[in-house]
Amino acid sequence: MPIQPLFDRILVKRKEQARTTASGLILPDAGQEKMNQGTVVAVGTGNIDDNGTTFELEVKEGDLVVFGKYSGSTIQDENGDELLILKEKEILGIITE
C-alpha cells in the first residue's frame, strides 16, 4: 500500500539511531529517544490558498530534514517500517551536506 501525502503533508522515514556507544556498549531500544531527523520519502501536491492558487513545497523527495520532537503522526508501511506524516510547517530545516 503506497502512501501519497495530500496537500502540504510530507512522508518522512526517521534516521536510524546508533545502538552502541563509543565504548562499545549496546543500548536497548527502550532506553533510546527517537531521532528528530529523517529522509523525505514522498511529498504532497502543495498548499492551496483561499484563491485556489497552489504553492509548491520547499522540500523534495530525498531531502534530509529536521523536525520537532513531538511533530507529526506515526504510521507503518506494508514492510513494517515506521514512517512519519508531517505538515510542511512542522519541518524545522533541511540538512545540506
PDB file of N, CA and C in Angstrom:
ATOM      1  N   MET A   1       0.841  -1.175   0.000  1.00  0.00           N
ATOM      2  CA  MET A   1       0.000   0.000   0.000  1.00  0.00           C
ATOM      3  C   MET A   1       0.887   1.239   0.000  1.00  0.00           C
ATOM      4  N   PRO A   2       1.192   1.768  -1.163  1.00  0.00           N
ATOM      5  CA  PRO A   2       1.961   3.011  -1.223  1.00  0.00           C
ATOM      6  C   PRO A   2       1.144   4.174  -0.638  1.00  0.00           C
ATOM      7  N   ILE A   3       1.814   5.069   0.025  1.00  0.00           N
ATOM      8  CA  ILE A   3       1.147   6.198   0.665  1.00  0.00           C
ATOM      9  C   ILE A   3       1.551   7.477  -0.050  1.00  0.00           C
ATOM     10  N   GLN A   4       0.566   8.256  -0.493  1.00  0.00           N
ATOM     11  CA  GLN A   4       0.810   9.545  -1.128  1.00  0.00           C
ATOM     12  C   GLN A   4       0.233  10.623  -0.216  1.00  0.00           C
ATOM     13  N   PRO A   5       1.091  11.470   0.383  1.00  0.00           N
ATOM     14  CA  PRO A   5       0.582  12.537   1.240  1.00  0.00           C
ATOM     15  C   PRO A   5      -0.244  13.547   0.439  1.00  0.00           C
ATOM     16  N   LEU A   6      -1.200  14.168   1.089  1.00  0.00           N
ATOM     17  CA  LEU A   6      -2.048  15.157   0.447  1.00  0.00           C
ATOM     18  C   LEU A   6      -1.611  16.571   0.806  1.00  0.00           C
ATOM     19  N   PHE A   7      -1.848  17.505  -0.099  1.00  0.00           N
ATOM     20  CA  PHE A   7      -1.627  18.932   0.080  1.00  0.00           C
ATOM     21  C   PHE A   7      -0.226  19.249   0.598  1.00  0.00           C
ATOM     22  N   ASP A   8      -0.109  19.836   1.799  1.00  0.00           N
ATOM     23  CA  ASP A   8       1.196  20.264   2.312  1.00  0.00           C
ATOM     24  C   ASP A   8       1.804  19.262   3.293  1.00  0.00           C
ATOM     25  N   ARG A   9       1.400  18.014   3.169  1.00  0.00           N
ATOM     26  CA  ARG A   9       1.940  16.983   4.069  1.00  0.00           C
ATOM     27  C   ARG A   9       3.117  16.265   3.420  1.00  0.00           C
ATOM     28  N   ILE A  10       3.994  15.757   4.291  1.00  0.00           N
ATOM     29  CA  ILE A  10       5.238  15.139   3.845  1.00  0.00           C
ATOM     30  C   ILE A  10       5.406  13.824   4.587  1.00  0.00           C
ATOM     31  N   LEU A  11       5.848  12.793   3.875  1.00  0.00           N
ATOM     32  CA  LEU A  11       6.096  11.478   4.453  1.00  0.00           C
ATOM     33  C   LEU A  11       7.594  11.330   4.682  1.00  0.00           C
ATOM     34  N   VAL A  12       7.992  11.054   5.924  1.00  0.00           N
ATOM     35  CA  VAL A  12       9.402  11.017   6.322  1.00  0.00           C
ATOM     36  C   VAL A  12       9.723   9.681   6.975  1.00  0.00           C
ATOM     37  N   LYS A  13      10.884   9.127   6.616  1.00  0.00           N
ATOM     38  CA  LYS A  13      11.396   7.935   7.301  1.00  0.00           C
ATOM     39  C   LYS A  13      12.477   8.403   8.259  1.00  0.00           C
ATOM     40  N   ARG A  14      12.284   8.098   9.548  1.00  0.00           N
ATOM     41  CA  ARG A  14      13.262   8.520  10.565  1.00  0.00           C
ATOM     42  C   ARG A  14      14.631   7.922  10.301  1.00  0.00           C
ATOM     43  N   LYS A  15      15.643   8.661  10.659  1.00  0.00           N
ATOM     44  CA  LYS A  15      17.017   8.196  10.558  1.00  0.00           C
ATOM     45  C   LYS A  15      17.264   7.175  11.671  1.00  0.00           C
ATOM     46  N   GLU A  16      17.982   6.113  11.341  1.00  0.00           N
ATOM     47  CA  GLU A  16      18.303   5.092  12.347  1.00  0.00           C
ATOM     48  C   GLU A  16      19.283   5.656  13.365  1.00  0.00           C
ATOM     49  N   GLN A  17      19.099   5.287  14.600  1.00  0.00           N
ATOM     50  CA  GLN A  17      19.951   5.751  15.676  1.00  0.00           C
ATOM     51  C   GLN A  17      21.000   4.694  15.996  1.00  0.00           C
ATOM     52  N   ALA A  18      22.191   5.145  16.344  1.00  0.00           N
ATOM     53  CA  ALA A  18      23.260   4.221  16.707  1.00  0.00           C
ATOM     54  C   ALA A  18      22.851   3.425  17.945  1.00  0.00           C
ATOM     55  N   ARG A  19      23.066   2.136  17.914  1.00  0.00           N
ATOM     56  CA  ARG A  19      22.677   1.274  19.034  1.00  0.00           C
ATOM     57  C   ARG A  19      23.836   0.966  19.974  1.00  0.00           C
ATOM     58  N   THR A  20      25.036   1.415  19.641  1.00  0.00           N
ATOM     59  CA  THR A  20      26.180   1.201  20.518  1.00  0.00           C
ATOM     60  C   THR A  20      26.841   2.541  20.828  1.00  0.00           C
ATOM     61  N   THR A  21      27.425   2.618  21.991  1.00  0.00           N
ATOM     62  CA  THR A  21      28.139   3.822  22.393  1.00  0.00           C
ATOM     63  C   THR A  21      29.564   3.773  21.845  1.00  0.00           C
ATOM     64  N   ALA A  22      30.298   4.851  22.029  1.00  0.00           N
ATOM     65  CA  ALA A  22      31.682   4.911  21.555  1.00  0.00           C
ATOM     66  C   ALA A  22      32.545   3.844  22.219  1.00  0.00           C
ATOM     67  N   SER A  23      32.195   3.478  23.455  1.00  0.00           N
ATOM     68  CA  SER A  23      32.975   2.466  24.159  1.00  0.00           C
ATOM     69  C   SER A  23      32.527   1.036  23.834  1.00  0.00           C
ATOM     70  N   GLY A  24      31.481   0.878  22.990  1.00  0.00           N
ATOM     71  CA  GLY A  24      31.048  -0.441  22.566  1.00  0.00           C
ATOM     72  C   GLY A  24      29.869  -1.014  23.332  1.00  0.00           C
ATOM     73  N   LEU A  25      29.270  -0.245  24.259  1.00  0.00           N
ATOM     74  CA  LEU A  25      28.103  -0.734  24.987  1.00  0.00           C
ATOM     75  C   LEU A  25      26.886  -0.728  24.078  1.00  0.00           C
ATOM     76  N   ILE A  26      26.093  -1.787  24.140  1.00  0.00           N
ATOM     77  CA  ILE A  26      24.881  -1.883  23.330  1.00  0.00           C
ATOM     78  C   ILE A  26      23.721  -1.307  24.131  1.00  0.00           C
ATOM     79  N   LEU A  27      22.999  -0.357  23.505  1.00  0.00           N
ATOM     80  CA  LEU A  27      21.870   0.286  24.159  1.00  0.00           C
ATOM     81  C   LEU A  27      20.570  -0.405  23.771  1.00  0.00           C
ATOM     82  N   PRO A  28      19.698  -0.693  24.746  1.00  0.00           N
ATOM     83  CA  PRO A  28      18.400  -1.282  24.400  1.00  0.00           C
ATOM     84  C   PRO A  28      17.495  -0.242  23.743  1.00  0.00           C
ATOM     85  N   ASP A  29      16.529  -0.714  22.948  1.00  0.00           N
ATOM     86  CA  ASP A  29      15.617   0.199  22.258  1.00  0.00           C
ATOM     87  C   ASP A  29      14.795   1.038  23.226  1.00  0.00           C
ATOM     88  N   ALA A  30      14.407   0.468  24.343  1.00  0.00           N
ATOM     89  CA  ALA A  30      13.536   1.164  25.285  1.00  0.00           C
ATOM     90  C   ALA A  30      14.218   2.376  25.911  1.00  0.00           C
ATOM     91  N   GLY A  31      15.524   2.386  25.982  1.00  0.00           N
ATOM     92  CA  GLY A  31      16.238   3.483  26.617  1.00  0.00           C
ATOM     93  C   GLY A  31      16.627   4.594  25.667  1.00  0.00           C
ATOM     94  N   GLN A  32      16.242   4.493  24.416  1.00  0.00           N
ATOM     95  CA  GLN A  32      16.658   5.486  23.432  1.00  0.00           C
ATOM     96  C   GLN A  32      15.515   6.415  23.064  1.00  0.00           C
ATOM     97  N   GLU A  33      15.874   7.680  22.839  1.00  0.00           N
ATOM     98  CA  GLU A  33      14.907   8.615  22.290  1.00  0.00           C
ATOM     99  C   GLU A  33      14.923   8.480  20.787  1.00  0.00           C
ATOM    100  N   LYS A  34      13.807   8.789  20.152  1.00  0.00           N
ATOM    101  CA  LYS A  34      13.743   8.709  18.701  1.00  0.00           C
ATOM    102  C   LYS A  34      14.444   9.919  18.087  1.00  0.00           C
ATOM    103  N   MET A  35      15.072   9.681  16.948  1.00  0.00           N
ATOM    104  CA  MET A  35      15.764  10.750  16.238  1.00  0.00           C
ATOM    105  C   MET A  35      14.753  11.761  15.711  1.00  0.00           C
ATOM    106  N   ASN A  36      15.159  13.026  15.664  1.00  0.00           N
ATOM    107  CA  ASN A  36      14.302  14.054  15.087  1.00  0.00           C
ATOM    108  C   ASN A  36      14.809  14.463  13.702  1.00  0.00           C
ATOM    109  N   GLN A  37      15.450  13.516  13.015  1.00  0.00           N
ATOM    110  CA  GLN A  37      15.913  13.713  11.652  1.00  0.00           C
ATOM    111  C   GLN A  37      15.404  12.557  10.807  1.00  0.00           C
ATOM    112  N   GLY A  38      15.202  12.837   9.524  1.00  0.00           N
ATOM    113  CA  GLY A  38      14.745  11.781   8.644  1.00  0.00           C
ATOM    114  C   GLY A  38      14.845  12.178   7.186  1.00  0.00           C
ATOM    115  N   THR A  39      14.607  11.206   6.322  1.00  0.00           N
ATOM    116  CA  THR A  39      14.660  11.404   4.884  1.00  0.00           C
ATOM    117  C   THR A  39      13.244  11.488   4.336  1.00  0.00           C
ATOM    118  N   VAL A  40      13.004  12.470   3.474  1.00  0.00           N
ATOM    119  CA  VAL A  40      11.692  12.656   2.864  1.00  0.00           C
ATOM    120  C   VAL A  40      11.466  11.533   1.850  1.00  0.00           C
ATOM    121  N   VAL A  41      10.372  10.789   2.019  1.00  0.00           N
ATOM    122  CA  VAL A  41      10.036   9.675   1.141  1.00  0.00           C
ATOM    123  C   VAL A  41       9.062  10.133   0.052  1.00  0.00           C
ATOM    124  N   ALA A  42       8.088  10.973   0.412  1.00  0.00           N
ATOM    125  CA  ALA A  42       7.095  11.459  -0.540  1.00  0.00           C
ATOM    126  C   ALA A  42       6.573  12.815  -0.066  1.00  0.00           C
ATOM    127  N   VAL A  43       6.133  13.636  -1.013  1.00  0.00           N
ATOM    128  CA  VAL A  43       5.571  14.952  -0.692  1.00  0.00           C
ATOM    129  C   VAL A  43       4.209  15.102  -1.352  1.00  0.00           C
ATOM    130  N   GLY A  44       3.385  15.955  -0.754  1.00  0.00           N
ATOM    131  CA  GLY A  44       2.072  16.235  -1.319  1.00  0.00           C
ATOM    132  C   GLY A  44       2.171  17.199  -2.492  1.00  0.00           C
ATOM    133  N   THR A  45       1.014  17.579  -3.015  1.00  0.00           N
ATOM    134  CA  THR A  45       0.956  18.431  -4.202  1.00  0.00           C
ATOM    135  C   THR A  45       1.243  19.893  -3.905  1.00  0.00           C
ATOM    136  N   GLY A  46       1.099  20.311  -2.664  1.00  0.00           N
ATOM    137  CA  GLY A  46       1.362  21.698  -2.295  1.00  0.00           C
ATOM    138  C   GLY A  46       0.208  22.290  -1.522  1.00  0.00           C
ATOM    139  N   ASN A  47       0.436  23.463  -0.993  1.00  0.00           N
ATOM    140  CA  ASN A  47      -0.558  24.162  -0.192  1.00  0.00           C
ATOM    141  C   ASN A  47      -1.445  25.002  -1.100  1.00  0.00           C
ATOM    142  N   ILE A  48      -2.735  25.082  -0.799  1.00  0.00           N
ATOM    143  CA  ILE A  48      -3.681  25.857  -1.595  1.00  0.00           C
ATOM    144  C   ILE A  48      -4.186  27.022  -0.753  1.00  0.00           C
ATOM    145  N   ASP A  49      -4.076  28.249  -1.302  1.00  0.00           N
ATOM    146  CA  ASP A  49      -4.564  29.415  -0.562  1.00  0.00           C
ATOM    147  C   ASP A  49      -6.054  29.626  -0.825  1.00  0.00           C
ATOM    148  N   ASP A  50      -6.624  30.700  -0.291  1.00  0.00           N
ATOM    149  CA  ASP A  50      -8.059  30.971  -0.407  1.00  0.00           C
ATOM    150  C   ASP A  50      -8.496  31.235  -1.845  1.00  0.00           C
ATOM    151  N   ASN A  51      -7.571  31.681  -2.701  1.00  0.00           N
ATOM    152  CA  ASN A  51      -7.905  31.964  -4.104  1.00  0.00           C
ATOM    153  C   ASN A  51      -7.776  30.737  -5.000  1.00  0.00           C
ATOM    154  N   GLY A  52      -7.343  29.616  -4.455  1.00  0.00           N
ATOM    155  CA  GLY A  52      -7.199  28.396  -5.234  1.00  0.00           C
ATOM    156  C   GLY A  52      -5.826  28.220  -5.864  1.00  0.00           C
ATOM    157  N   THR A  53      -4.896  29.109  -5.529  1.00  0.00           N
ATOM    158  CA  THR A  53      -3.542  29.014  -6.061  1.00  0.00           C
ATOM    159  C   THR A  53      -2.754  27.977  -5.264  1.00  0.00           C
ATOM    160  N   THR A  54      -2.047  27.089  -5.963  1.00  0.00           N
ATOM    161  CA  THR A  54      -1.245  26.057  -5.318  1.00  0.00           C
ATOM    162  C   THR A  54       0.204  26.524  -5.208  1.00  0.00           C
ATOM    163  N   PHE A  55       0.774  26.382  -4.027  1.00  0.00           N
ATOM    164  CA  PHE A  55       2.169  26.724  -3.775  1.00  0.00           C
ATOM    165  C   PHE A  55       2.965  25.445  -3.597  1.00  0.00           C
ATOM    166  N   GLU A  56       4.058  25.307  -4.324  1.00  0.00           N
ATOM    167  CA  GLU A  56       4.898  24.121  -4.207  1.00  0.00           C
ATOM    168  C   GLU A  56       5.572  24.091  -2.838  1.00  0.00           C
ATOM    169  N   LEU A  57       5.899  22.890  -2.393  1.00  0.00           N
ATOM    170  CA  LEU A  57       6.572  22.723  -1.112  1.00  0.00           C
ATOM    171  C   LEU A  57       8.066  22.999  -1.261  1.00  0.00           C
ATOM    172  N   GLU A  58       8.697  23.430  -0.174  1.00  0.00           N
ATOM    173  CA  GLU A  58      10.132  23.727  -0.168  1.00  0.00           C
ATOM    174  C   GLU A  58      10.978  22.465  -0.168  1.00  0.00           C
ATOM    175  N   VAL A  59      10.456  21.388   0.406  1.00  0.00           N
ATOM    176  CA  VAL A  59      11.220  20.146   0.480  1.00  0.00           C
ATOM    177  C   VAL A  59      10.857  19.240  -0.690  1.00  0.00           C
ATOM    178  N   LYS A  60      11.764  18.319  -1.012  1.00  0.00           N
ATOM    179  CA  LYS A  60      11.514  17.355  -2.092  1.00  0.00           C
ATOM    180  C   LYS A  60      11.961  15.978  -1.625  1.00  0.00           C
ATOM    181  N   GLU A  61      11.596  14.967  -2.379  1.00  0.00           N
ATOM    182  CA  GLU A  61      11.974  13.603  -2.029  1.00  0.00           C
ATOM    183  C   GLU A  61      13.491  13.481  -1.961  1.00  0.00           C
ATOM    184  N   GLY A  62      13.967  12.782  -0.928  1.00  0.00           N
ATOM    185  CA  GLY A  62      15.396  12.571  -0.757  1.00  0.00           C
ATOM    186  C   GLY A  62      16.069  13.571   0.169  1.00  0.00           C
ATOM    187  N   ASP A  63      15.392  14.683   0.517  1.00  0.00           N
ATOM    188  CA  ASP A  63      15.983  15.669   1.428  1.00  0.00           C
ATOM    189  C   ASP A  63      16.101  15.089   2.833  1.00  0.00           C
ATOM    190  N   LEU A  64      17.189  15.441   3.520  1.00  0.00           N
ATOM    191  CA  LEU A  64      17.359  15.091   4.930  1.00  0.00           C
ATOM    192  C   LEU A  64      16.864  16.274   5.741  1.00  0.00           C
ATOM    193  N   VAL A  65      15.849  16.058   6.582  1.00  0.00           N
ATOM    194  CA  VAL A  65      15.192  17.152   7.293  1.00  0.00           C
ATOM    195  C   VAL A  65      15.253  16.955   8.805  1.00  0.00           C
ATOM    196  N   VAL A  66      15.065  18.065   9.520  1.00  0.00           N
ATOM    197  CA  VAL A  66      14.976  18.080  10.979  1.00  0.00           C
ATOM    198  C   VAL A  66      13.559  18.517  11.330  1.00  0.00           C
ATOM    199  N   PHE A  67      12.944  17.831  12.281  1.00  0.00           N
ATOM    200  CA  PHE A  67      11.583  18.173  12.690  1.00  0.00           C
ATOM    201  C   PHE A  67      11.493  18.161  14.205  1.00  0.00           C
ATOM    202  N   GLY A  68      10.417  18.708  14.736  1.00  0.00           N
ATOM    203  CA  GLY A  68      10.207  18.775  16.175  1.00  0.00           C
ATOM    204  C   GLY A  68      10.036  17.405  16.804  1.00  0.00           C
ATOM    205  N   LYS A  69      10.343  17.319  18.080  1.00  0.00           N
ATOM    206  CA  LYS A  69      10.321  16.043  18.801  1.00  0.00           C
ATOM    207  C   LYS A  69       8.942  15.385  18.801  1.00  0.00           C
ATOM    208  N   TYR A  70       7.897  16.174  18.939  1.00  0.00           N
ATOM    209  CA  TYR A  70       6.540  15.622  19.026  1.00  0.00           C
ATOM    210  C   TYR A  70       5.714  15.945  17.781  1.00  0.00           C
ATOM    211  N   SER A  71       6.359  16.154  16.652  1.00  0.00           N
ATOM    212  CA  SER A  71       5.663  16.522  15.415  1.00  0.00           C
ATOM    213  C   SER A  71       5.107  15.305  14.694  1.00  0.00           C
ATOM    214  N   GLY A  72       4.027  15.523  13.964  1.00  0.00           N
ATOM    215  CA  GLY A  72       3.513  14.532  13.028  1.00  0.00           C
ATOM    216  C   GLY A  72       2.775  13.360  13.652  1.00  0.00           C
ATOM    217  N   SER A  73       2.374  12.458  12.766  1.00  0.00           N
ATOM    218  CA  SER A  73       1.669  11.224  13.136  1.00  0.00           C
ATOM    219  C   SER A  73       2.471  10.034  12.641  1.00  0.00           C
ATOM    220  N   THR A  74       2.651   9.046  13.492  1.00  0.00           N
ATOM    221  CA  THR A  74       3.435   7.866  13.148  1.00  0.00           C
ATOM    222  C   THR A  74       2.527   6.807  12.524  1.00  0.00           C
ATOM    223  N   ILE A  75       3.001   6.220  11.413  1.00  0.00           N
ATOM    224  CA  ILE A  75       2.285   5.129  10.760  1.00  0.00           C
ATOM    225  C   ILE A  75       3.297   4.045  10.386  1.00  0.00           C
ATOM    226  N   GLN A  76       2.808   2.886   9.967  1.00  0.00           N
ATOM    227  CA  GLN A  76       3.685   1.822   9.483  1.00  0.00           C
ATOM    228  C   GLN A  76       3.298   1.482   8.054  1.00  0.00           C
ATOM    229  N   ASP A  77       4.299   1.242   7.208  1.00  0.00           N
ATOM    230  CA  ASP A  77       4.019   0.849   5.835  1.00  0.00           C
ATOM    231  C   ASP A  77       3.879  -0.672   5.753  1.00  0.00           C
ATOM    232  N   GLU A  78       3.722  -1.192   4.531  1.00  0.00           N
ATOM    233  CA  GLU A  78       3.493  -2.631   4.357  1.00  0.00           C
ATOM    234  C   GLU A  78       4.682  -3.484   4.768  1.00  0.00           C
ATOM    235  N   ASN A  79       5.884  -2.901   4.830  1.00  0.00           N
ATOM    236  CA  ASN A  79       7.084  -3.641   5.247  1.00  0.00           C
ATOM    237  C   ASN A  79       7.310  -3.581   6.750  1.00  0.00           C
ATOM    238  N   GLY A  80       6.453  -2.848   7.471  1.00  0.00           N
ATOM    239  CA  GLY A  80       6.607  -2.698   8.913  1.00  0.00           C
ATOM    240  C   GLY A  80       7.519  -1.552   9.309  1.00  0.00           C
ATOM    241  N   ASP A  81       7.988  -0.763   8.307  1.00  0.00           N
ATOM    242  CA  ASP A  81       8.839   0.388   8.616  1.00  0.00           C
ATOM    243  C   ASP A  81       7.993   1.502   9.209  1.00  0.00           C
ATOM    244  N   GLU A  82       8.554   2.193  10.198  1.00  0.00           N
ATOM    245  CA  GLU A  82       7.858   3.293  10.831  1.00  0.00           C
ATOM    246  C   GLU A  82       8.092   4.574  10.039  1.00  0.00           C
ATOM    247  N   LEU A  83       7.014   5.215   9.627  1.00  0.00           N
ATOM    248  CA  LEU A  83       7.077   6.465   8.876  1.00  0.00           C
ATOM    249  C   LEU A  83       6.340   7.544   9.642  1.00  0.00           C
ATOM    250  N   LEU A  84       6.605   8.781   9.283  1.00  0.00           N
ATOM    251  CA  LEU A  84       6.012   9.925   9.955  1.00  0.00           C
ATOM    252  C   LEU A  84       5.368  10.821   8.914  1.00  0.00           C
ATOM    253  N   ILE A  85       4.125  11.236   9.137  1.00  0.00           N
ATOM    254  CA  ILE A  85       3.465  12.197   8.257  1.00  0.00           C
ATOM    255  C   ILE A  85       3.456  13.538   8.972  1.00  0.00           C
ATOM    256  N   LEU A  86       4.060  14.540   8.320  1.00  0.00           N
ATOM    257  CA  LEU A  86       4.189  15.885   8.884  1.00  0.00           C
ATOM    258  C   LEU A  86       3.581  16.905   7.951  1.00  0.00           C
ATOM    259  N   LYS A  87       3.174  18.035   8.496  1.00  0.00           N
ATOM    260  CA  LYS A  87       2.856  19.191   7.669  1.00  0.00           C
ATOM    261  C   LYS A  87       4.178  19.905   7.393  1.00  0.00           C
ATOM    262  N   GLU A  88       4.237  20.634   6.296  1.00  0.00           N
ATOM    263  CA  GLU A  88       5.488  21.303   5.934  1.00  0.00           C
ATOM    264  C   GLU A  88       5.946  22.273   7.026  1.00  0.00           C
ATOM    265  N   LYS A  89       5.020  22.951   7.687  1.00  0.00           N
ATOM    266  CA  LYS A  89       5.414  23.921   8.713  1.00  0.00           C
ATOM    267  C   LYS A  89       6.011  23.268   9.962  1.00  0.00           C
ATOM    268  N   GLU A  90       5.854  21.938  10.117  1.00  0.00           N
ATOM    269  CA  GLU A  90       6.456  21.231  11.249  1.00  0.00           C
ATOM    270  C   GLU A  90       7.925  20.904  11.007  1.00  0.00           C
ATOM    271  N   ILE A  91       8.386  21.052   9.773  1.00  0.00           N
ATOM    272  CA  ILE A  91       9.794  20.809   9.472  1.00  0.00           C
ATOM    273  C   ILE A  91      10.587  22.050   9.835  1.00  0.00           C
ATOM    274  N   LEU A  92      11.633  21.851  10.627  1.00  0.00           N
ATOM    275  CA  LEU A  92      12.424  22.978  11.114  1.00  0.00           C
ATOM    276  C   LEU A  92      13.522  23.377  10.153  1.00  0.00           C
ATOM    277  N   GLY A  93      14.016  22.436   9.350  1.00  0.00           N
ATOM    278  CA  GLY A  93      15.075  22.762   8.410  1.00  0.00           C
ATOM    279  C   GLY A  93      15.491  21.576   7.561  1.00  0.00           C
ATOM    280  N   ILE A  94      16.241  21.890   6.504  1.00  0.00           N
ATOM    281  CA  ILE A  94      16.800  20.883   5.605  1.00  0.00           C
ATOM    282  C   ILE A  94      18.302  20.814   5.867  1.00  0.00           C
ATOM    283  N   ILE A  95      18.825  19.614   6.069  1.00  0.00           N
ATOM    284  CA  ILE A  95      20.243  19.433   6.325  1.00  0.00           C
ATOM    285  C   ILE A  95      20.952  19.323   4.976  1.00  0.00           C
ATOM    286  N   THR A  96      21.885  20.227   4.732  1.00  0.00           N
ATOM    287  CA  THR A  96      22.653  20.191   3.491  1.00  0.00           C
ATOM    288  C   THR A  96      24.014  19.605   3.797  1.00  0.00           C
ATOM    289  N   GLU A  97      24.487  18.760   2.898  1.00  0.00           N
ATOM    290  CA  GLU A  97      25.768  18.076   3.141  1.00  0.00           C
ATOM    291  C   GLU A  97      26.835  18.593   2.220  1.00  0.00           C
TER     292      GLU A  97
END
